[in-house]
Amino acid sequence: MLISCGDALIDFVPTKNAEGREAVMPAVGGSCLNVAIGIARLGAPTGFVGGISNDMFGSMIAEHAAASNVELGFATRSDHQTTLAFVRIVAGESHYAFYDAETATRNWTFRRGTLPFDTVEAVHVGSTTLVNDQGAAETKALIADAKATSTISFDPNCRPNLVKDKPGYLARMVEFATQADLIKMSDVDFAYLFGEEPYQQRADAMLGQGPSLVVITRGNNGAIAWHAKTGQIEVEAPKVAVADTIGAGDSFQAALLFALHKQGRLARQQLKDISADGLRRALSFAANCAGLTCTRPGADPPWSHEISWSW
């Protein structure tokens, strides 16, 4: 099984009403839930770990996850409310306003010893759960339990409007990166965290601290990856008609993890030994899945039957 741990919420995505005025439409989201949805839809056994409310929106989240074949047995249901996020698209980028005080996600705690990590191939973490102290601490505890047997995947998926102490947040993200085997971030995330630092310089520093793979996605400009053994690999983005980019990065992450799983290269040692050709095919598959997600509104990653791919 592959597991994604973190946020599950409701995005209110922009749309138009019958009169052409701005409106919003509720859609299940949350970066880490999106990753779980994306992996499961492609055909790998996947579970979600995190807090899900018993309220109306929590029921939407649970139904959506179940319909995509995500296992929720390790999630924690509670009477805390669901996190809500309102989205606006500005210059092609999604901007979020979060309502996340005392929510099911914020109050999630890791129940040590409850997850069978010896049967878990990889654990993905990241996003808004890591902004607050409790979420970060609980996720660190989960990684400590998982790391002996499971590959650790990390995407900071930064949300600057939630960050109150940027130096502290940066130090936290760097610490999580040292615990990961696979790191993925967008060019926007990179700029927020590391400014004008050259990609290569930061990637080399990260690879020197333990991770095997660092990937930076760049929207229409494709993705660049640095691997400890095979070096730098670049793949193009597909040319698509973009509805919005909500969930595109999560879809890329999910598809990359799925592709590595499909190739038998997701376990820690196998990831270290992957060939340049195998990594390029995995990255290209991820870019194509992200591209398809961009053609429809909201976080709606593709199903296996929607992607024709030769392994």
Foldseek 3Di string as FASTA:
>chain_A
DAEEEAAKAWEFEWDADPVRDIDTDTDIDDLRLLLQLLQLLQPDAYEYEAFAEPDPRSVVRVVSCVVSNYHDPRYHYDNFAGKYWYWDADPQDIAIDIDDPRHRRQPDAADPPPDPLQPHAAYEYEEPLCQDPRSVVRVVVVLVRNVVWYAYEYEHNDRVVSHDDLVVSLVSNLVVLLSHQEYEYEPVVCCSNPNPPDPVVVLVVSVVSPHQKYKYQYVQAFIWMQGPPAGIDTDGADDDDFPGQAQLSSSLSSQLCSLCVVVVQRHRVSVNVDYPVSNNLSRHRSRHQSRVCRRDDHSDTHGNVVDDDDD
